[in-house]
C-alpha atoms as a PDB file:
ATOM      1  CA  MET A   1     200.991   9.898  37.466  1.00  0.00           C
ATOM      2  CA  PHE A   2     199.748  12.989  35.684  1.00  0.00           C
ATOM      3  CA  LYS A   3     201.327  13.334  32.244  1.00  0.00           C
ATOM      4  CA  ILE A   4     200.811  15.772  29.394  1.00  0.00           C
ATOM      5  CA  PHE A   5     203.680  14.498  27.283  1.00  0.00           C
ATOM      6  CA  VAL A   6     202.908  14.341  23.578  1.00  0.00           C
ATOM      7  CA  PRO A   7     205.395  12.483  21.350  1.00  0.00           C
ATOM      8  CA  PHE A   8     207.195  14.695  18.830  1.00  0.00           C
ATOM      9  CA  ILE A   9     208.461  13.215  15.583  1.00  0.00           C
ATOM     10  CA  ALA A  10     212.053  14.122  14.762  1.00  0.00           C
ATOM     11  CA  PRO A  11     211.440  17.055  12.332  1.00  0.00           C
ATOM     12  CA  PHE A  12     209.395  18.910  14.965  1.00  0.00           C
ATOM     13  CA  ARG A  13     211.808  18.513  17.875  1.00  0.00           C
ATOM     14  CA  PRO A  14     213.570  21.850  17.207  1.00  0.00           C
ATOM     15  CA  LEU A  15     210.153  23.506  17.577  1.00  0.00           C
ATOM     16  CA  LEU A  16     209.733  21.747  20.920  1.00  0.00           C
ATOM     17  CA  GLY A  17     213.195  23.001  21.868  1.00  0.00           C
ATOM     18  CA  LEU A  18     212.228  26.615  21.126  1.00  0.00           C
ATOM     19  CA  ILE A  19     209.000  26.281  23.127  1.00  0.00           C
ATOM     20  CA  SER A  20     210.932  24.754  26.047  1.00  0.00           C
ATOM     21  CA  LEU A  21     213.544  27.527  25.946  1.00  0.00           C
ATOM     22  CA  LEU A  22     210.812  30.175  25.906  1.00  0.00           C
ATOM     23  CA  TYR A  23     209.120  28.491  28.879  1.00  0.00           C
ATOM     24  CA  LEU A  24     212.368  28.436  30.893  1.00  0.00           C
ATOM     25  CA  CYS A  25     213.046  32.090  30.092  1.00  0.00           C
ATOM     26  CA  VAL A  26     209.532  33.182  31.054  1.00  0.00           C
ATOM     27  CA  VAL A  27     209.598  31.221  34.330  1.00  0.00           C
ATOM     28  CA  THR A  28     213.015  32.660  35.213  1.00  0.00           C
ATOM     29  CA  LEU A  29     212.005  36.231  34.399  1.00  0.00           C
ATOM     30  CA  VAL A  30     208.697  36.008  36.276  1.00  0.00           C
ATOM     31  CA  LEU A  31     210.233  34.468  39.414  1.00  0.00           C
ATOM     32  CA  ALA A  32     213.222  36.846  39.312  1.00  0.00           C
ATOM     33  CA  GLY A  33     210.788  39.762  38.984  1.00  0.00           C
ATOM     34  CA  LEU A  34     208.793  38.576  41.988  1.00  0.00           C
ATOM     35  CA  LEU A  35     212.020  38.136  43.921  1.00  0.00           C
ATOM     36  CA  HIS A  36     212.992  41.760  43.286  1.00  0.00           C
ATOM     37  CA  LEU A  37     209.513  43.014  44.239  1.00  0.00           C
ATOM     38  CA  PHE A  38     209.541  41.034  47.505  1.00  0.00           C
ATOM     39  CA  ALA A  39     213.030  42.285  48.345  1.00  0.00           C
ATOM     40  CA  LEU A  40     212.001  45.893  47.626  1.00  0.00           C
ATOM     41  CA  TYR A  41     208.985  45.502  49.908  1.00  0.00           C
ATOM     42  CA  TYR A  42     211.079  44.017  52.736  1.00  0.00           C
ATOM     43  CA  TRP A  43     213.732  46.733  52.482  1.00  0.00           C
ATOM     44  CA  CYS A  44     211.087  49.479  52.431  1.00  0.00           C
ATOM     45  CA  SER A  45     209.404  47.914  55.475  1.00  0.00           C
ATOM     46  CA  ASN A  46     212.367  47.493  57.814  1.00  0.00           C
ATOM     47  CA  GLY A  47     215.508  47.975  55.784  1.00  0.00           C
ATOM     48  CA  LEU A  48     216.792  44.412  56.134  1.00  0.00           C
ATOM     49  CA  ILE A  49     216.052  40.772  55.366  1.00  0.00           C
ATOM     50  CA  ASN A  50     215.334  38.635  58.429  1.00  0.00           C
ATOM     51  CA  LYS A  51     214.772  34.907  58.926  1.00  0.00           C
ATOM     52  CA  SER A  52     211.095  34.911  57.835  1.00  0.00           C
ATOM     53  CA  ASN A  53     211.967  36.937  54.749  1.00  0.00           C
ATOM     54  CA  GLU A  54     214.776  34.528  53.905  1.00  0.00           C
ATOM     55  CA  ASP A  55     212.271  31.664  54.017  1.00  0.00           C
ATOM     56  CA  ALA A  56     209.946  33.481  51.595  1.00  0.00           C
ATOM     57  CA  LEU A  57     212.791  34.177  49.175  1.00  0.00           C
ATOM     58  CA  HIS A  58     213.916  30.560  49.350  1.00  0.00           C
ATOM     59  CA  GLN A  59     210.363  29.419  48.560  1.00  0.00           C
ATOM     60  CA  LEU A  60     210.535  31.459  45.337  1.00  0.00           C
ATOM     61  CA  TYR A  61     213.805  29.667  44.550  1.00  0.00           C
ATOM     62  CA  GLU A  62     212.093  26.317  45.171  1.00  0.00           C
ATOM     63  CA  ALA A  63     209.127  27.399  43.017  1.00  0.00           C
ATOM     64  CA  TRP A  64     211.468  28.308  40.153  1.00  0.00           C
ATOM     65  CA  PHE A  65     212.980  24.840  40.070  1.00  0.00           C
ATOM     66  CA  ALA A  66     209.605  23.113  40.648  1.00  0.00           C
ATOM     67  CA  CYS A  67     208.189  24.851  37.544  1.00  0.00           C
ATOM     68  CA  ILE A  68     211.174  23.821  35.436  1.00  0.00           C
ATOM     69  CA  ASN A  69     211.198  20.254  36.756  1.00  0.00           C
ATOM     70  CA  PHE A  70     207.473  19.973  35.997  1.00  0.00           C
ATOM     71  CA  TRP A  71     208.151  20.813  32.355  1.00  0.00           C
ATOM     72  CA  LEU A  72     211.054  18.364  32.147  1.00  0.00           C
ATOM     73  CA  LYS A  73     209.090  15.484  33.648  1.00  0.00           C
ATOM     74  CA  HIS A  74     205.586  16.028  32.287  1.00  0.00           C
ATOM     75  CA  VAL A  75     206.189  17.680  28.921  1.00  0.00           C
ATOM     76  CA  LEU A  76     209.623  16.430  27.850  1.00  0.00           C
ATOM     77  CA  ASN A  77     209.074  13.060  29.564  1.00  0.00           C
ATOM     78  CA  VAL A  78     212.515  13.052  31.209  1.00  0.00           C
ATOM     79  CA  HIS A  79     213.140  10.491  33.940  1.00  0.00           C
ATOM     80  CA  TRP A  80     215.948  11.148  36.401  1.00  0.00           C
ATOM     81  CA  GLU A  81     217.238   7.911  37.968  1.00  0.00           C
ATOM     82  CA  LEU A  82     218.002   9.459  41.342  1.00  0.00           C
ATOM     83  CA  ASP A  83     219.892   7.927  44.246  1.00  0.00           C
ATOM     84  CA  GLU A  84     217.061   7.233  46.690  1.00  0.00           C
ATOM     85  CA  GLU A  85     219.489   6.050  49.358  1.00  0.00           C
ATOM     86  CA  GLN A  86     220.789   9.567  49.977  1.00  0.00           C
ATOM     87  CA  VAL A  87     220.032  10.592  53.548  1.00  0.00           C
ATOM     88  CA  SER A  88     218.047  13.797  54.060  1.00  0.00           C
ATOM     89  CA  GLN A  89     220.259  16.597  55.388  1.00  0.00           C
ATOM     90  CA  ALA A  90     217.799  19.484  55.306  1.00  0.00           C
ATOM     91  CA  LYS A  91     218.997  21.060  58.556  1.00  0.00           C
ATOM     92  CA  SER A  92     222.750  20.801  58.121  1.00  0.00           C
ATOM     93  CA  TRP A  93     225.428  22.491  56.047  1.00  0.00           C
ATOM     94  CA  ASN A  94     226.242  20.621  52.843  1.00  0.00           C
ATOM     95  CA  LEU A  95     229.158  20.931  50.449  1.00  0.00           C
ATOM     96  CA  VAL A  96     228.198  19.248  47.164  1.00  0.00           C
ATOM     97  CA  ILE A  97     230.580  18.483  44.305  1.00  0.00           C
ATOM     98  CA  ALA A  98     229.756  16.929  40.931  1.00  0.00           C
ATOM     99  CA  ASN A  99     231.324  16.110  37.579  1.00  0.00           C
ATOM    100  CA  HIS A 100     230.356  18.461  34.752  1.00  0.00           C
ATOM    101  CA  GLN A 101     229.531  17.389  31.187  1.00  0.00           C
ATOM    102  CA  THR A 102     226.713  19.714  30.136  1.00  0.00           C
ATOM    103  CA  TRP A 103     224.413  22.409  31.523  1.00  0.00           C
ATOM    104  CA  VAL A 104     221.888  19.586  31.926  1.00  0.00           C
ATOM    105  CA  ASP A 105     223.932  18.576  34.996  1.00  0.00           C
ATOM    106  CA  VAL A 106     222.491  21.553  36.900  1.00  0.00           C
ATOM    107  CA  PHE A 107     218.927  20.268  36.586  1.00  0.00           C
ATOM    108  CA  VAL A 108     219.933  16.685  37.386  1.00  0.00           C
ATOM    109  CA  VAL A 109     221.811  17.726  40.528  1.00  0.00           C
ATOM    110  CA  PHE A 110     218.962  20.026  41.592  1.00  0.00           C
ATOM    111  CA  ALA A 111     216.490  17.143  41.179  1.00  0.00           C
ATOM    112  CA  GLN A 112     218.690  14.951  43.403  1.00  0.00           C
ATOM    113  CA  ILE A 113     219.011  17.669  46.032  1.00  0.00           C
ATOM    114  CA  GLN A 114     215.364  18.780  46.104  1.00  0.00           C
ATOM    115  CA  GLY A 115     213.646  17.627  49.308  1.00  0.00           C
ATOM    116  CA  ARG A 116     216.861  16.203  50.753  1.00  0.00           C
ATOM    117  CA  MET A 117     218.776  19.409  51.496  1.00  0.00           C
ATOM    118  CA  PRO A 118     218.352  23.126  50.777  1.00  0.00           C
ATOM    119  CA  LEU A 119     218.590  23.958  47.076  1.00  0.00           C
ATOM    120  CA  PRO A 120     222.213  24.862  46.376  1.00  0.00           C
ATOM    121  CA  LYS A 121     223.939  28.205  46.148  1.00  0.00           C
ATOM    122  CA  VAL A 122     227.272  28.737  44.484  1.00  0.00           C
ATOM    123  CA  PHE A 123     230.162  31.063  45.206  1.00  0.00           C
ATOM    124  CA  MET A 124     229.881  33.806  42.586  1.00  0.00           C
ATOM    125  CA  LYS A 125     232.695  35.909  41.176  1.00  0.00           C
ATOM    126  CA  HIS A 126     232.294  39.420  42.545  1.00  0.00           C
ATOM    127  CA  SER A 127     232.171  40.890  39.019  1.00  0.00           C
ATOM    128  CA  LEU A 128     228.978  38.913  38.263  1.00  0.00           C
ATOM    129  CA  ILE A 129     227.005  41.002  40.728  1.00  0.00           C
ATOM    130  CA  TRP A 130     226.655  43.566  37.904  1.00  0.00           C
ATOM    131  CA  PHE A 131     225.188  41.004  35.479  1.00  0.00           C
ATOM    132  CA  PRO A 132     221.651  42.261  34.601  1.00  0.00           C
ATOM    133  CA  LEU A 133     218.869  40.701  36.680  1.00  0.00           C
ATOM    134  CA  ILE A 134     220.746  37.464  37.465  1.00  0.00           C
ATOM    135  CA  GLY A 135     223.478  39.210  39.465  1.00  0.00           C
ATOM    136  CA  SER A 136     220.993  41.165  41.564  1.00  0.00           C
ATOM    137  CA  ALA A 137     218.727  38.113  41.986  1.00  0.00           C
ATOM    138  CA  THR A 138     221.567  35.973  43.340  1.00  0.00           C
ATOM    139  CA  TYR A 139     222.623  38.818  45.638  1.00  0.00           C
ATOM    140  CA  ILE A 140     219.079  39.098  47.007  1.00  0.00           C
ATOM    141  CA  MET A 141     218.987  35.334  47.509  1.00  0.00           C
ATOM    142  CA  GLY A 142     222.123  35.569  49.631  1.00  0.00           C
ATOM    143  CA  PHE A 143     224.517  33.826  47.264  1.00  0.00           C
ATOM    144  CA  PRO A 144     228.067  34.410  48.556  1.00  0.00           C
ATOM    145  CA  PHE A 145     230.317  36.532  46.341  1.00  0.00           C
ATOM    146  CA  MET A 146     234.069  36.090  46.375  1.00  0.00           C
ATOM    147  CA  ARG A 147     237.192  37.818  45.153  1.00  0.00           C
ATOM    148  CA  ARG A 148     240.095  35.660  43.945  1.00  0.00           C
ATOM    149  CA  TYR A 149     243.477  37.216  43.280  1.00  0.00           C
ATOM    150  CA  SER A 150     245.808  35.535  40.802  1.00  0.00           C
ATOM    151  CA  LYS A 151     249.451  34.781  41.590  1.00  0.00           C
ATOM    152  CA  ALA A 152     250.512  37.434  39.077  1.00  0.00           C
ATOM    153  CA  PHE A 153     248.289  40.037  40.749  1.00  0.00           C
ATOM    154  CA  LEU A 154     249.599  39.173  44.217  1.00  0.00           C
ATOM    155  CA  ALA A 155     253.177  39.385  42.922  1.00  0.00           C
ATOM    156  CA  ARG A 156     252.496  43.023  42.023  1.00  0.00           C
ATOM    157  CA  TYR A 157     250.480  43.756  45.151  1.00  0.00           C
ATOM    158  CA  PRO A 158     251.808  41.437  47.887  1.00  0.00           C
ATOM    159  CA  HIS A 159     250.075  43.443  50.633  1.00  0.00           C
ATOM    160  CA  LEU A 160     246.741  42.010  49.382  1.00  0.00           C
ATOM    161  CA  ALA A 161     247.723  38.409  50.213  1.00  0.00           C
ATOM    162  CA  GLY A 162     244.936  36.836  52.253  1.00  0.00           C
ATOM    163  CA  LYS A 163     242.530  39.714  51.575  1.00  0.00           C
ATOM    164  CA  ASP A 164     240.471  37.575  49.202  1.00  0.00           C
ATOM    165  CA  ILE A 165     239.612  35.186  52.056  1.00  0.00           C
ATOM    166  CA  GLU A 166     238.702  38.096  54.339  1.00  0.00           C
ATOM    167  CA  THR A 167     236.497  39.693  51.663  1.00  0.00           C
ATOM    168  CA  THR A 168     234.730  36.400  50.984  1.00  0.00           C
ATOM    169  CA  ARG A 169     234.096  35.829  54.685  1.00  0.00           C
ATOM    170  CA  ARG A 170     232.460  39.247  54.952  1.00  0.00           C
ATOM    171  CA  SER A 171     230.218  38.485  51.967  1.00  0.00           C
ATOM    172  CA  CYS A 172     229.269  35.169  53.639  1.00  0.00           C
ATOM    173  CA  LYS A 173     228.033  36.872  56.826  1.00  0.00           C
ATOM    174  CA  ARG A 174     224.356  36.685  55.853  1.00  0.00           C
ATOM    175  CA  PHE A 175     224.813  33.412  53.987  1.00  0.00           C
ATOM    176  CA  MET A 176     226.145  31.689  57.121  1.00  0.00           C
ATOM    177  CA  GLN A 177     223.190  32.597  59.352  1.00  0.00           C
ATOM    178  CA  ALA A 178     221.320  29.371  58.508  1.00  0.00           C
ATOM    179  CA  PRO A 179     222.245  25.982  57.003  1.00  0.00           C
ATOM    180  CA  ASN A 180     222.743  26.093  53.248  1.00  0.00           C
ATOM    181  CA  THR A 181     224.045  23.944  50.427  1.00  0.00           C
ATOM    182  CA  VAL A 182     227.156  24.971  48.493  1.00  0.00           C
ATOM    183  CA  LEU A 183     227.521  23.443  45.019  1.00  0.00           C
ATOM    184  CA  SER A 184     230.746  23.215  43.025  1.00  0.00           C
ATOM    185  CA  PHE A 185     231.500  21.654  39.644  1.00  0.00           C
ATOM    186  CA  VAL A 186     235.152  21.187  40.488  1.00  0.00           C
ATOM    187  CA  GLU A 187     236.373  20.567  36.939  1.00  0.00           C
ATOM    188  CA  GLY A 188     235.678  24.251  36.322  1.00  0.00           C
ATOM    189  CA  THR A 189     234.334  23.647  32.810  1.00  0.00           C
ATOM    190  CA  ARG A 190     232.210  21.178  30.878  1.00  0.00           C
ATOM    191  CA  TRP A 191     233.811  17.924  29.736  1.00  0.00           C
ATOM    192  CA  SER A 192     234.581  17.422  26.059  1.00  0.00           C
ATOM    193  CA  LYS A 193     236.978  15.197  24.146  1.00  0.00           C
ATOM    194  CA  ALA A 194     238.883  18.266  22.934  1.00  0.00           C
ATOM    195  CA  LYS A 195     239.352  19.633  26.473  1.00  0.00           C
ATOM    196  CA  HIS A 196     240.265  16.169  27.720  1.00  0.00           C
ATOM    197  CA  LEU A 197     243.034  15.852  25.119  1.00  0.00           C
ATOM    198  CA  LYS A 198     244.254  19.430  25.589  1.00  0.00           C
ATOM    199  CA  GLN A 199     244.591  18.931  29.346  1.00  0.00           C
ATOM    200  CA  GLY A 200     246.273  15.575  29.001  1.00  0.00           C
ATOM    201  CA  SER A 201     243.892  14.461  31.730  1.00  0.00           C
ATOM    202  CA  PRO A 202     245.027  11.265  33.484  1.00  0.00           C
ATOM    203  CA  TYR A 203     241.379  10.319  33.964  1.00  0.00           C
ATOM    204  CA  GLN A 204     239.231   8.514  31.421  1.00  0.00           C
ATOM    205  CA  HIS A 205     235.866  10.173  32.102  1.00  0.00           C
ATOM    206  CA  LEU A 206     236.838  13.349  33.962  1.00  0.00           C
ATOM    207  CA  LEU A 207     238.880  16.489  33.516  1.00  0.00           C
ATOM    208  CA  LYS A 208     241.505  17.504  36.040  1.00  0.00           C
ATOM    209  CA  PRO A 209     239.820  18.870  39.184  1.00  0.00           C
ATOM    210  CA  LYS A 210     240.351  22.442  40.330  1.00  0.00           C
ATOM    211  CA  SER A 211     240.313  21.674  44.022  1.00  0.00           C
ATOM    212  CA  GLY A 212     241.423  25.196  44.915  1.00  0.00           C
ATOM    213  CA  GLY A 213     237.793  26.320  44.893  1.00  0.00           C
ATOM    214  CA  ILE A 214     236.827  23.664  47.431  1.00  0.00           C
ATOM    215  CA  ALA A 215     239.843  24.542  49.572  1.00  0.00           C
ATOM    216  CA  PHE A 216     238.818  28.200  49.394  1.00  0.00           C
ATOM    217  CA  VAL A 217     235.280  27.393  50.608  1.00  0.00           C
ATOM    218  CA  LEU A 218     236.568  25.237  53.478  1.00  0.00           C
ATOM    219  CA  GLN A 219     238.933  27.976  54.597  1.00  0.00           C
ATOM    220  CA  ALA A 220     236.381  30.792  54.185  1.00  0.00           C
ATOM    221  CA  MET A 221     233.706  28.838  56.096  1.00  0.00           C
ATOM    222  CA  PRO A 222     235.516  26.919  58.860  1.00  0.00           C
ATOM    223  CA  ASN A 223     233.651  24.405  61.040  1.00  0.00           C
ATOM    224  CA  LYS A 224     230.585  24.374  58.771  1.00  0.00           C
ATOM    225  CA  PHE A 225     231.010  21.096  56.891  1.00  0.00           C
ATOM    226  CA  SER A 226     231.576  17.634  58.295  1.00  0.00           C
ATOM    227  CA  SER A 227     231.701  15.926  54.888  1.00  0.00           C
ATOM    228  CA  VAL A 228     231.562  16.437  51.149  1.00  0.00           C
ATOM    229  CA  VAL A 229     228.562  15.068  49.230  1.00  0.00           C
ATOM    230  CA  ASP A 230     229.864  13.822  45.879  1.00  0.00           C
ATOM    231  CA  MET A 231     227.329  13.354  43.069  1.00  0.00           C
ATOM    232  CA  SER A 232     228.284  11.391  39.970  1.00  0.00           C
ATOM    233  CA  VAL A 233     226.033  12.195  37.004  1.00  0.00           C
ATOM    234  CA  ILE A 234     226.003   9.574  34.235  1.00  0.00           C
ATOM    235  CA  TYR A 235     224.130   9.686  30.928  1.00  0.00           C
ATOM    236  CA  PRO A 236     223.273   6.634  28.797  1.00  0.00           C
ATOM    237  CA  GLN A 237     223.948   8.719  25.663  1.00  0.00           C
ATOM    238  CA  GLU A 238     227.151  10.346  24.423  1.00  0.00           C
ATOM    239  CA  ASN A 239     227.582  14.040  23.554  1.00  0.00           C
ATOM    240  CA  ILE A 240     224.567  15.275  25.505  1.00  0.00           C
ATOM    241  CA  SER A 241     223.764  18.978  25.183  1.00  0.00           C
ATOM    242  CA  PHE A 242     221.321  21.360  26.821  1.00  0.00           C
ATOM    243  CA  TRP A 243     219.581  21.673  23.444  1.00  0.00           C
ATOM    244  CA  ASP A 244     219.026  17.892  23.380  1.00  0.00           C
ATOM    245  CA  LEU A 245     217.259  18.199  26.729  1.00  0.00           C
ATOM    246  CA  LEU A 246     215.002  21.027  25.505  1.00  0.00           C
ATOM    247  CA  CYS A 247     214.146  19.077  22.336  1.00  0.00           C
ATOM    248  CA  GLY A 248     213.172  15.959  24.286  1.00  0.00           C
ATOM    249  CA  ARG A 249     216.057  13.868  22.943  1.00  0.00           C
ATOM    250  CA  LEU A 250     217.379  13.102  26.432  1.00  0.00           C
ATOM    251  CA  GLN A 251     215.157  10.715  28.341  1.00  0.00           C
ATOM    252  CA  SER A 252     217.168   9.778  31.416  1.00  0.00           C
ATOM    253  CA  ALA A 253     220.217  10.318  33.592  1.00  0.00           C
ATOM    254  CA  LYS A 254     221.580   8.427  36.572  1.00  0.00           C
ATOM    255  CA  VAL A 255     222.868   9.949  39.813  1.00  0.00           C
ATOM    256  CA  VAL A 256     225.040   8.142  42.347  1.00  0.00           C
ATOM    257  CA  VAL A 257     225.690   9.911  45.663  1.00  0.00           C
ATOM    258  CA  ARG A 258     228.700   9.259  47.871  1.00  0.00           C
ATOM    259  CA  GLU A 259     229.502  11.003  51.148  1.00  0.00           C
ATOM    260  CA  ILE A 260     233.169  11.767  51.828  1.00  0.00           C
ATOM    261  CA  PRO A 261     233.997  12.376  55.512  1.00  0.00           C
ATOM    262  CA  LEU A 262     236.364  15.260  56.194  1.00  0.00           C
ATOM    263  CA  PRO A 263     239.163  14.888  58.755  1.00  0.00           C
ATOM    264  CA  GLN A 264     237.764  17.322  61.308  1.00  0.00           C
ATOM    265  CA  ASP A 265     240.856  17.187  63.520  1.00  0.00           C
ATOM    266  CA  VAL A 266     242.829  18.598  60.579  1.00  0.00           C
ATOM    267  CA  LEU A 267     240.260  21.063  59.223  1.00  0.00           C
ATOM    268  CA  ASN A 268     239.516  22.492  62.655  1.00  0.00           C
ATOM    269  CA  SER A 269     243.175  23.082  63.365  1.00  0.00           C
ATOM    270  CA  PRO A 270     243.909  26.822  63.502  1.00  0.00           C
ATOM    271  CA  ASN A 271     247.103  26.199  61.547  1.00  0.00           C
ATOM    272  CA  PHE A 272     245.495  24.330  58.632  1.00  0.00           C
ATOM    273  CA  GLU A 273     245.044  26.462  55.492  1.00  0.00           C
ATOM    274  CA  PRO A 274     243.696  24.326  52.589  1.00  0.00           C
ATOM    275  CA  ALA A 275     243.755  27.397  50.296  1.00  0.00           C
ATOM    276  CA  GLY A 276     247.151  28.548  51.585  1.00  0.00           C
ATOM    277  CA  ILE A 277     250.275  26.822  52.817  1.00  0.00           C
ATOM    278  CA  ASN A 278     248.599  23.385  52.963  1.00  0.00           C
ATOM    279  CA  ARG A 279     247.193  23.564  49.427  1.00  0.00           C
ATOM    280  CA  PRO A 280     249.592  20.983  47.855  1.00  0.00           C
ATOM    281  CA  GLU A 281     248.708  18.504  50.606  1.00  0.00           C
ATOM    282  CA  PHE A 282     244.993  19.155  50.096  1.00  0.00           C
ATOM    283  CA  ASN A 283     245.302  18.857  46.295  1.00  0.00           C
ATOM    284  CA  ASP A 284     247.091  15.501  46.514  1.00  0.00           C
ATOM    285  CA  CYS A 285     244.342  14.104  48.725  1.00  0.00           C
ATOM    286  CA  PHE A 286     241.617  15.413  46.423  1.00  0.00           C
ATOM    287  CA  ASN A 287     243.312  14.069  43.276  1.00  0.00           C
ATOM    288  CA  GLN A 288     243.441  10.581  44.797  1.00  0.00           C
ATOM    289  CA  TYR A 289     239.719  10.711  45.402  1.00  0.00           C
ATOM    290  CA  TRP A 290     239.101  12.028  41.880  1.00  0.00           C
ATOM    291  CA  ALA A 291     240.956   9.048  40.393  1.00  0.00           C
ATOM    292  CA  ALA A 292     238.738   6.659  42.389  1.00  0.00           C
ATOM    293  CA  LYS A 293     235.627   8.559  41.230  1.00  0.00           C
ATOM    294  CA  ASP A 294     236.756   8.220  37.604  1.00  0.00           C
ATOM    295  CA  LYS A 295     236.954   4.428  37.955  1.00  0.00           C
ATOM    296  CA  ARG A 296     233.489   4.262  39.528  1.00  0.00           C
ATOM    297  CA  ILE A 297     231.973   6.336  36.714  1.00  0.00           C
ATOM    298  CA  GLY A 298     233.509   3.874  34.247  1.00  0.00           C
ATOM    299  CA  HIS A 299     231.735   0.997  36.009  1.00  0.00           C
ATOM    300  CA  TYR A 300     228.430   2.912  36.069  1.00  0.00           C
ATOM    301  CA  LYS A 301     228.695   3.645  32.336  1.00  0.00           C
ATOM    302  CA  GLU A 302     229.384  -0.002  31.526  1.00  0.00           C
ATOM    303  CA  ALA A 303     226.315  -1.041  33.526  1.00  0.00           C
ATOM    304  CA  LEU A 304     224.119   1.502  31.709  1.00  0.00           C
ATOM    305  CA  GLU A 305     225.409   0.291  28.339  1.00  0.00           C
ATOM    306  CA  GLN A 306     224.595  -3.306  29.262  1.00  0.00           C
ATOM    307  CA  ASP A 307     221.092  -2.310  30.351  1.00  0.00           C
ATOM    308  CA  ALA A 308     220.569  -0.479  27.062  1.00  0.00           C
ATOM    309  CA  LYS A 309     221.481  -3.632  25.090  1.00  0.00           C
ATOM    310  CA  VAL A 310     218.963  -5.883  26.858  1.00  0.00           C
ATOM    311  CA  PRO A 311     215.793  -4.687  25.047  1.00  0.00           C
ATOM    312  CA  LYS A 312     217.513  -5.056  21.645  1.00  0.00           C
ATOM    313  CA  GLN A 313     218.548  -8.628  22.411  1.00  0.00           C
ATOM    314  CA  ALA A 314     215.039  -9.411  23.641  1.00  0.00           C
ATOM    315  CA  VAL A 315     213.546  -8.151  20.357  1.00  0.00           C
ATOM    316  CA  ILE A 316     215.958 -10.265  18.279  1.00  0.00           C
ATOM    317  CA  LYS A 317     215.064 -13.414  20.244  1.00  0.00           C
ATOM    318  CA  SER A 318     211.323 -12.740  19.969  1.00  0.00           C
ATOM    319  CA  ASN A 319     211.619 -12.469  16.186  1.00  0.00           C
END
């Protein structure tokens, strides 16, 4: 396989990190710029984005990740140990969830998804649409934007109850025209020992899940998903950071994919509201699954640690 990786000795790794960060920024800016130019051309031509235009925009999205993945694999020499048994679901709707430890997770999950299903889109907070360049780029790409009202807000304005779901459904109108992948890191934040202790998390390797987001998606997009694709991302090293990835200190990560069937007879019921009156029931079910996932991640970590010890033992015996 074509490689241009050049080993960096430790003192020069921060320089490699800066070069990698600059590369990622340039690729993102160039592709985002092209995306805006294409969108401007389409809107000037016929005033809307149709199916063929959507395909062109999605190809730019694919190109963005392909450029980044090239750098990770061929310059930083990163090897993702992907789950090759995952079935291709390129023409169906997919709801993907994953544990979240570092921003590196995004690239690992994208690598697992690439070629097996459409690259993922996430539900964005409506306020992020005003974020320079990124907000407009995600809007052009058809990322769904949502409004979520807090309990305190609804207590002051009870007439707005349920309006967040209606607003999100309207923003999903274009998004739901063709099969897509929705990605959610359900812990809501990156894992750390401090956050784990502060939460009093009952899980060993995971934070408490915020299943309300998943319930919200299921209720806003009824009859779209038949299952949830759960991706467990495991690293052989502790305390991994995005900077470690850019500096070439992270060499591998393992992904294990598990498909969770959804009870369609329940979800398709007109009276079932996973983000409303049935939320406690939905949360209990999700928490049970999260506990099982935590145990599996523990087993995966133990296996990786054992594999990491083998070369050292082999060297001792050979000496």
